[in-house]
N, C-alpha and C. Protein backbone atom coordinates (compact mmCIF):
# COMPACT_ATOMS: atom_id res chain seq x y z
N MET A 1 56.04 2.18 -99.55
CA MET A 1 54.99 1.93 -99.14
C MET A 1 54.33 3.29 -98.44
N ASP A 2 53.80 4.05 -98.36
CA ASP A 2 53.03 5.70 -97.84
C ASP A 2 53.23 5.05 -96.25
N LYS A 3 54.37 6.06 -95.98
CA LYS A 3 54.64 5.99 -94.64
C LYS A 3 53.53 6.55 -93.24
N ASP A 4 52.56 7.29 -93.42
CA ASP A 4 51.32 7.19 -93.05
C ASP A 4 50.67 5.46 -92.73
N LYS A 5 50.73 5.08 -93.61
CA LYS A 5 50.19 3.66 -93.44
C LYS A 5 51.03 2.42 -92.81
N LYS A 6 52.27 2.89 -92.89
CA LYS A 6 53.25 2.36 -92.00
C LYS A 6 52.96 2.23 -90.60
N VAL A 7 53.20 4.02 -90.32
CA VAL A 7 52.61 4.16 -88.98
C VAL A 7 51.33 3.32 -88.40
N LYS A 8 50.55 3.63 -89.00
CA LYS A 8 49.27 3.40 -88.52
C LYS A 8 49.07 1.47 -88.37
N ARG A 9 49.79 0.89 -89.38
CA ARG A 9 50.33 -0.50 -89.53
C ARG A 9 50.68 -1.01 -88.44
N ARG A 10 51.79 -0.08 -88.05
CA ARG A 10 52.58 -0.69 -87.01
C ARG A 10 52.14 -0.56 -85.21
N TYR A 11 51.12 0.88 -84.99
CA TYR A 11 51.08 1.84 -84.06
C TYR A 11 49.32 1.45 -83.60
N GLY A 12 48.86 1.06 -84.93
CA GLY A 12 47.15 1.02 -84.81
C GLY A 12 46.51 2.36 -85.51
N VAL A 13 45.41 2.21 -85.40
CA VAL A 13 44.29 2.84 -86.90
C VAL A 13 44.68 3.96 -86.43
N ASN A 14 44.60 4.91 -85.29
CA ASN A 14 44.26 6.40 -84.79
C ASN A 14 45.89 6.69 -84.44
N ALA A 15 46.71 6.27 -85.39
CA ALA A 15 48.34 6.62 -85.00
C ALA A 15 48.77 7.62 -86.03
N HIS A 16 49.61 8.55 -85.45
CA HIS A 16 49.99 9.64 -86.21
C HIS A 16 51.29 9.72 -85.75
N LEU A 17 52.40 10.06 -86.65
CA LEU A 17 53.66 10.04 -86.34
C LEU A 17 54.06 12.09 -86.12
N ILE A 18 54.79 12.13 -85.23
CA ILE A 18 54.51 13.55 -84.67
C ILE A 18 56.20 14.05 -84.81
N TRP A 19 56.85 13.13 -84.42
CA TRP A 19 58.54 13.56 -84.90
C TRP A 19 58.96 11.96 -85.19
N LYS A 20 60.38 12.44 -86.03
CA LYS A 20 61.36 11.41 -86.19
C LYS A 20 62.60 11.43 -86.61
N ASP A 21 63.37 10.66 -86.41
CA ASP A 21 65.21 11.12 -86.61
C ASP A 21 65.45 9.91 -86.53
N ARG A 22 66.92 10.07 -87.05
CA ARG A 22 68.13 8.85 -87.03
C ARG A 22 69.23 9.40 -86.10
N LYS A 23 70.16 8.57 -85.54
CA LYS A 23 71.35 8.66 -84.77
C LYS A 23 71.89 9.16 -86.21
N ARG A 24 73.27 10.09 -85.65
CA ARG A 24 73.36 10.60 -86.88
C ARG A 24 75.10 11.01 -86.72
N TYR A 25 76.03 10.47 -87.68
CA TYR A 25 77.56 9.92 -87.94
C TYR A 25 77.77 11.50 -88.59
N LEU A 26 78.79 12.63 -88.01
CA LEU A 26 79.47 13.54 -88.69
C LEU A 26 77.93 14.25 -89.20
N GLY A 27 76.44 14.17 -88.55
CA GLY A 27 75.67 14.97 -89.16
C GLY A 27 74.66 14.24 -90.43
N LEU A 28 75.13 13.36 -90.39
CA LEU A 28 74.69 12.72 -91.42
C LEU A 28 73.87 11.26 -90.60
N PRO A 29 72.87 10.64 -90.95
CA PRO A 29 71.93 9.76 -90.75
C PRO A 29 72.04 8.19 -91.23
N TRP A 30 73.46 8.01 -91.02
CA TRP A 30 73.95 6.67 -91.61
C TRP A 30 73.78 5.65 -90.20
N SER A 31 72.66 5.61 -89.86
CA SER A 31 72.95 4.55 -88.57
C SER A 31 71.28 3.67 -88.91
N PHE A 32 71.29 2.79 -88.07
CA PHE A 32 70.47 1.92 -88.40
C PHE A 32 69.51 2.06 -86.52
N THR A 33 69.63 3.17 -86.31
CA THR A 33 68.87 3.63 -84.91
C THR A 33 67.98 4.75 -84.90
N ARG A 34 66.54 4.44 -84.81
CA ARG A 34 65.70 5.40 -85.27
C ARG A 34 64.77 5.57 -84.08
N TYR A 35 64.32 7.13 -84.27
CA TYR A 35 64.00 7.45 -83.02
C TYR A 35 62.43 8.11 -83.37
N SER A 36 60.95 7.65 -82.80
CA SER A 36 59.85 8.39 -83.36
C SER A 36 59.13 8.79 -82.06
N LEU A 37 58.70 9.76 -82.30
CA LEU A 37 57.11 10.12 -81.40
C LEU A 37 56.14 9.96 -82.10
N VAL A 38 55.28 9.06 -81.46
CA VAL A 38 54.09 8.60 -82.16
C VAL A 38 52.49 8.57 -80.84
N LYS A 39 51.57 9.18 -81.35
CA LYS A 39 50.32 9.95 -80.34
C LYS A 39 49.51 8.85 -81.51
N ASN A 40 48.57 8.35 -80.32
CA ASN A 40 47.65 7.14 -80.93
C ASN A 40 45.85 7.63 -80.37
N GLY A 41 45.80 8.71 -81.35
CA GLY A 41 44.41 9.30 -80.64
C GLY A 41 44.53 10.05 -79.64
N ASP A 42 43.72 9.96 -78.88
CA ASP A 42 43.78 10.51 -77.37
C ASP A 42 44.19 9.55 -76.18
N LYS A 43 44.86 8.38 -76.89
CA LYS A 43 45.02 7.19 -75.83
C LYS A 43 46.56 7.47 -75.06
N TRP A 44 47.34 7.53 -76.23
CA TRP A 44 48.93 7.71 -75.69
C TRP A 44 49.91 8.71 -76.76
N VAL A 45 50.64 8.99 -76.09
CA VAL A 45 51.92 9.48 -76.60
C VAL A 45 53.23 8.70 -76.34
N LYS A 46 53.72 7.87 -77.48
CA LYS A 46 55.04 7.54 -76.55
C LYS A 46 56.41 7.50 -77.58
N VAL A 47 57.24 7.34 -76.74
CA VAL A 47 58.99 7.67 -77.78
C VAL A 47 59.32 6.24 -77.84
N PHE A 48 59.51 6.22 -79.03
CA PHE A 48 59.89 5.04 -79.47
C PHE A 48 61.30 4.75 -80.15
N SER A 49 62.46 4.14 -79.69
CA SER A 49 63.85 3.72 -80.22
C SER A 49 64.17 1.88 -80.41
N ASP A 50 63.80 2.41 -81.95
CA ASP A 50 64.19 1.24 -82.43
C ASP A 50 66.09 1.13 -83.15
N ILE A 51 66.29 0.29 -82.42
CA ILE A 51 68.15 -0.18 -82.69
C ILE A 51 68.10 -1.40 -83.82
N GLY A 52 68.60 -1.39 -85.21
CA GLY A 52 68.96 -2.40 -85.59
C GLY A 52 68.57 -2.85 -87.22
N LEU A 53 68.53 -3.86 -87.96
CA LEU A 53 68.58 -3.96 -89.31
C LEU A 53 67.57 -5.70 -89.33
N LEU A 54 68.85 -6.11 -89.08
CA LEU A 54 68.48 -7.85 -89.32
C LEU A 54 67.54 -8.35 -87.81
N TYR A 55 68.39 -7.84 -86.63
CA TYR A 55 67.89 -7.93 -85.48
C TYR A 55 67.54 -6.53 -84.67
N SER A 56 66.31 -6.24 -84.46
CA SER A 56 65.82 -5.47 -83.55
C SER A 56 65.63 -4.83 -82.17
N ILE A 57 65.56 -4.26 -81.25
CA ILE A 57 65.72 -3.91 -80.05
C ILE A 57 64.95 -2.43 -80.09
N VAL A 58 63.65 -2.85 -79.64
CA VAL A 58 62.63 -1.64 -79.77
C VAL A 58 62.13 -1.14 -78.34
N ASP A 59 62.45 0.20 -77.91
CA ASP A 59 62.49 0.35 -76.50
C ASP A 59 60.94 1.88 -76.40
N GLU A 60 60.68 1.89 -75.99
CA GLU A 60 59.28 2.59 -75.79
C GLU A 60 59.00 2.93 -74.26
N VAL A 61 58.76 4.44 -74.09
CA VAL A 61 58.35 5.32 -72.91
C VAL A 61 56.84 6.13 -73.30
N ASN A 62 56.09 5.93 -72.36
CA ASN A 62 54.83 6.69 -72.58
C ASN A 62 55.67 8.07 -71.69
N VAL A 63 55.35 9.38 -72.80
CA VAL A 63 55.68 10.50 -72.58
C VAL A 63 55.22 11.21 -71.19
N TYR A 64 54.05 10.66 -70.59
CA TYR A 64 53.60 11.15 -69.21
C TYR A 64 54.81 10.81 -68.43
N ARG A 65 55.53 9.18 -68.33
CA ARG A 65 55.95 9.01 -67.05
C ARG A 65 57.50 9.29 -67.33
N ILE A 66 57.99 10.54 -68.16
CA ILE A 66 59.07 11.29 -68.07
C ILE A 66 58.71 12.39 -67.12
N GLN A 67 60.00 12.18 -66.21
CA GLN A 67 60.34 13.28 -65.31
C GLN A 67 61.08 14.04 -65.73
N ASP A 68 62.27 14.12 -66.60
CA ASP A 68 63.11 14.86 -67.08
C ASP A 68 63.76 15.09 -68.14
N VAL A 69 64.03 16.05 -68.71
CA VAL A 69 64.44 16.07 -69.61
C VAL A 69 65.96 16.95 -70.01
N SER A 70 66.81 16.20 -70.81
CA SER A 70 68.24 16.81 -70.09
C SER A 70 68.86 16.83 -71.90
N LEU A 71 70.10 17.77 -71.88
CA LEU A 71 70.46 17.78 -73.57
C LEU A 71 72.05 17.87 -73.35
N HIS A 72 72.88 16.87 -73.90
CA HIS A 72 74.20 16.75 -73.80
C HIS A 72 74.52 17.27 -75.30
N GLN A 73 75.37 17.93 -75.49
CA GLN A 73 76.02 18.49 -76.94
C GLN A 73 77.70 18.15 -76.41
N THR A 74 78.32 17.99 -77.22
CA THR A 74 79.97 17.59 -77.53
C THR A 74 80.22 19.14 -78.20
N LEU A 75 81.68 19.23 -78.28
CA LEU A 75 82.23 20.10 -79.61
C LEU A 75 81.89 19.49 -80.79
N PHE A 76 82.23 17.97 -81.17
CA PHE A 76 81.53 17.72 -82.84
C PHE A 76 79.71 17.66 -82.72
N ASP A 77 79.07 17.65 -82.02
CA ASP A 77 77.81 17.36 -81.93
C ASP A 77 77.41 19.33 -82.42
N LYS A 78 78.28 20.19 -81.80
CA LYS A 78 78.10 21.52 -81.56
C LYS A 78 78.41 22.07 -83.40
N ILE A 79 79.40 21.50 -83.99
CA ILE A 79 80.16 21.89 -85.34
C ILE A 79 78.99 21.04 -85.82
N PHE A 80 78.45 19.56 -86.28
CA PHE A 80 77.86 19.37 -86.68
C PHE A 80 76.00 19.42 -86.38
N LYS A 81 75.73 20.49 -85.73
CA LYS A 81 74.50 20.92 -85.01
C LYS A 81 73.62 19.20 -84.96
N THR A 82 74.23 18.66 -83.94
CA THR A 82 73.53 17.77 -83.54
C THR A 82 73.99 17.79 -81.96
N GLY A 83 73.00 16.47 -81.60
CA GLY A 83 73.29 16.53 -79.81
C GLY A 83 72.44 15.44 -79.07
N THR A 84 72.20 15.37 -77.99
CA THR A 84 72.26 13.71 -77.19
C THR A 84 70.84 14.43 -76.59
N VAL A 85 69.78 14.02 -76.73
CA VAL A 85 68.38 14.11 -75.64
C VAL A 85 68.35 13.24 -75.15
N ILE A 86 68.68 13.49 -73.51
CA ILE A 86 68.69 12.40 -72.44
C ILE A 86 67.00 12.31 -71.64
N LEU A 87 66.25 11.47 -72.03
CA LEU A 87 64.26 11.20 -71.05
C LEU A 87 64.87 10.47 -70.18
N TYR A 88 64.39 11.35 -68.95
CA TYR A 88 64.71 10.32 -67.25
C TYR A 88 62.93 10.08 -67.42
N SER A 89 62.85 8.69 -66.84
CA SER A 89 61.26 8.45 -66.83
C SER A 89 61.53 7.49 -65.59
N ASN A 90 60.04 7.56 -65.03
CA ASN A 90 59.69 6.53 -63.99
C ASN A 90 59.90 4.69 -63.89
N ASP A 91 59.99 4.68 -65.59
CA ASP A 91 59.82 3.22 -65.96
C ASP A 91 61.25 2.34 -65.44
N GLU A 92 60.84 1.68 -65.00
CA GLU A 92 61.84 0.70 -64.22
C GLU A 92 62.77 -0.33 -65.30
N ARG A 93 62.13 -0.23 -66.21
CA ARG A 93 63.12 -1.25 -67.48
C ARG A 93 64.16 -0.51 -67.83
N SER A 94 63.59 0.89 -68.14
CA SER A 94 64.43 1.92 -68.91
C SER A 94 64.48 3.14 -68.35
N PRO A 95 64.84 3.57 -67.47
CA PRO A 95 65.13 4.50 -66.46
C PRO A 95 65.49 5.69 -67.61
N GLU A 96 66.10 5.72 -68.25
CA GLU A 96 67.07 6.61 -68.95
C GLU A 96 67.04 6.12 -70.76
N LEU A 97 65.98 7.24 -71.24
CA LEU A 97 66.22 7.00 -73.07
C LEU A 97 67.31 7.85 -73.24
N ARG A 98 67.99 7.76 -74.48
CA ARG A 98 68.73 8.79 -74.61
C ARG A 98 68.27 8.59 -76.46
N LEU A 99 68.61 9.76 -76.92
CA LEU A 99 68.16 10.12 -78.16
C LEU A 99 69.71 10.57 -78.63
N ARG A 100 70.53 9.71 -79.15
CA ARG A 100 71.79 9.86 -79.45
C ARG A 100 71.73 10.83 -81.02
N HIS A 101 72.70 11.87 -80.85
CA HIS A 101 73.57 12.59 -81.79
C HIS A 101 72.01 12.87 -82.87
N ILE A 102 70.90 13.46 -82.23
CA ILE A 102 69.74 13.58 -83.15
C ILE A 102 69.92 15.54 -83.71
N ALA A 103 69.43 15.62 -84.91
CA ALA A 103 69.36 16.82 -85.42
C ALA A 103 68.31 17.84 -84.34
N HIS A 104 68.62 18.99 -84.56
CA HIS A 104 68.33 20.34 -83.99
C HIS A 104 67.67 19.73 -81.99
N PRO A 105 68.67 19.35 -81.52
CA PRO A 105 68.41 18.73 -80.27
C PRO A 105 67.46 20.12 -79.34
N TYR A 106 67.51 21.27 -79.60
CA TYR A 106 66.97 22.25 -78.70
C TYR A 106 65.68 22.05 -79.11
N ARG A 107 65.41 21.92 -79.93
CA ARG A 107 64.00 22.21 -80.89
C ARG A 107 63.24 20.99 -80.30
N VAL A 108 63.87 19.67 -79.99
CA VAL A 108 63.49 18.18 -79.80
C VAL A 108 63.17 18.61 -77.88
N ARG A 109 64.22 18.99 -77.58
CA ARG A 109 63.99 19.21 -76.08
C ARG A 109 62.71 19.65 -75.69
N GLU A 110 63.06 20.85 -76.16
CA GLU A 110 61.54 21.99 -75.90
C GLU A 110 59.91 21.30 -76.24
N MET A 111 60.14 20.52 -77.42
CA MET A 111 59.02 19.50 -77.90
C MET A 111 58.52 18.57 -76.86
N PHE A 112 59.48 17.96 -76.54
CA PHE A 112 59.35 17.23 -75.48
C PHE A 112 59.09 17.73 -74.07
N SER A 113 59.57 19.10 -73.52
CA SER A 113 58.91 19.47 -72.38
C SER A 113 57.64 19.91 -72.59
N ASN A 114 56.88 20.68 -73.49
CA ASN A 114 55.59 21.15 -73.77
C ASN A 114 54.88 19.86 -73.80
N LEU A 115 55.22 19.00 -74.56
CA LEU A 115 54.23 17.32 -74.59
C LEU A 115 54.33 16.99 -73.18
N ILE A 116 55.47 16.55 -72.52
CA ILE A 116 55.34 15.96 -71.08
C ILE A 116 53.93 16.76 -70.07
N GLU A 117 54.42 18.17 -70.31
CA GLU A 117 53.22 19.08 -69.38
C GLU A 117 52.07 18.83 -69.94
N GLU A 118 51.64 18.45 -70.80
CA GLU A 118 50.49 18.40 -72.28
C GLU A 118 49.72 17.09 -71.35
N GLN A 119 50.43 15.90 -71.81
CA GLN A 119 50.32 14.18 -71.33
C GLN A 119 50.07 14.31 -69.73
N ARG A 120 50.87 15.15 -69.04
CA ARG A 120 50.60 14.86 -67.61
C ARG A 120 49.06 15.44 -67.03
N ALA A 121 48.68 16.53 -67.58
CA ALA A 121 47.65 17.26 -67.37
C ALA A 121 46.24 15.91 -67.94
N LEU A 122 46.67 15.39 -69.26
CA LEU A 122 45.44 14.55 -69.67
C LEU A 122 45.44 13.71 -69.14
N HIS A 123 46.38 12.98 -68.60
CA HIS A 123 46.17 11.66 -67.67
C HIS A 123 46.07 12.13 -66.06
N LYS A 124 46.13 13.67 -65.72
CA LYS A 124 45.82 13.41 -64.26
C LYS A 124 47.05 13.13 -63.59
N VAL A 125 48.20 13.12 -63.71
CA VAL A 125 49.79 13.05 -63.36
C VAL A 125 50.18 14.03 -62.85
N ARG A 126 50.77 13.87 -61.48
CA ARG A 126 51.36 14.80 -61.08
C ARG A 126 52.87 14.09 -60.64
N MET A 127 53.91 15.27 -60.61
CA MET A 127 55.05 14.33 -60.30
C MET A 127 55.42 14.92 -59.06
N SER A 128 55.30 14.76 -58.27
CA SER A 128 55.75 15.49 -56.97
C SER A 128 57.60 15.57 -56.45
N GLU A 129 57.88 16.13 -56.26
CA GLU A 129 59.80 16.00 -55.87
C GLU A 129 59.77 16.11 -54.43
N PHE A 130 60.88 15.47 -53.68
CA PHE A 130 60.68 15.08 -52.57
C PHE A 130 62.73 15.26 -52.44
N GLN A 131 62.76 16.12 -51.23
CA GLN A 131 63.98 16.68 -50.41
C GLN A 131 64.63 15.64 -49.12
N TYR A 132 65.23 14.93 -49.65
CA TYR A 132 66.56 14.16 -48.84
C TYR A 132 66.85 15.39 -47.33
């Protein structure tokens, strides 16, 4: 099946895939954990984490709700050019979404940072910081 048709069937007629990857072991995508970033026209941009083969768990976070982005890289991650990007959001159910052991983590972190600012401006969402 064409990948574009699969995205449109799953997420809507106007949806298109911005980015996707899998959790990697030793730099290879041998996992049933899939990550994707999907845009549906001008309505929304969401991050999806889909875990499982026979039984799936799908988590999603609206990009404009993400407050902070963090990157963690172990020695093995550096050797295999992978890393874990952590998205901190104000979503009550999943305040942390970990994109574990993905390829090109620095590019992905930068992509998310730019997209978050763009989506906040589009949805007129302001994040304020409080100091205690």
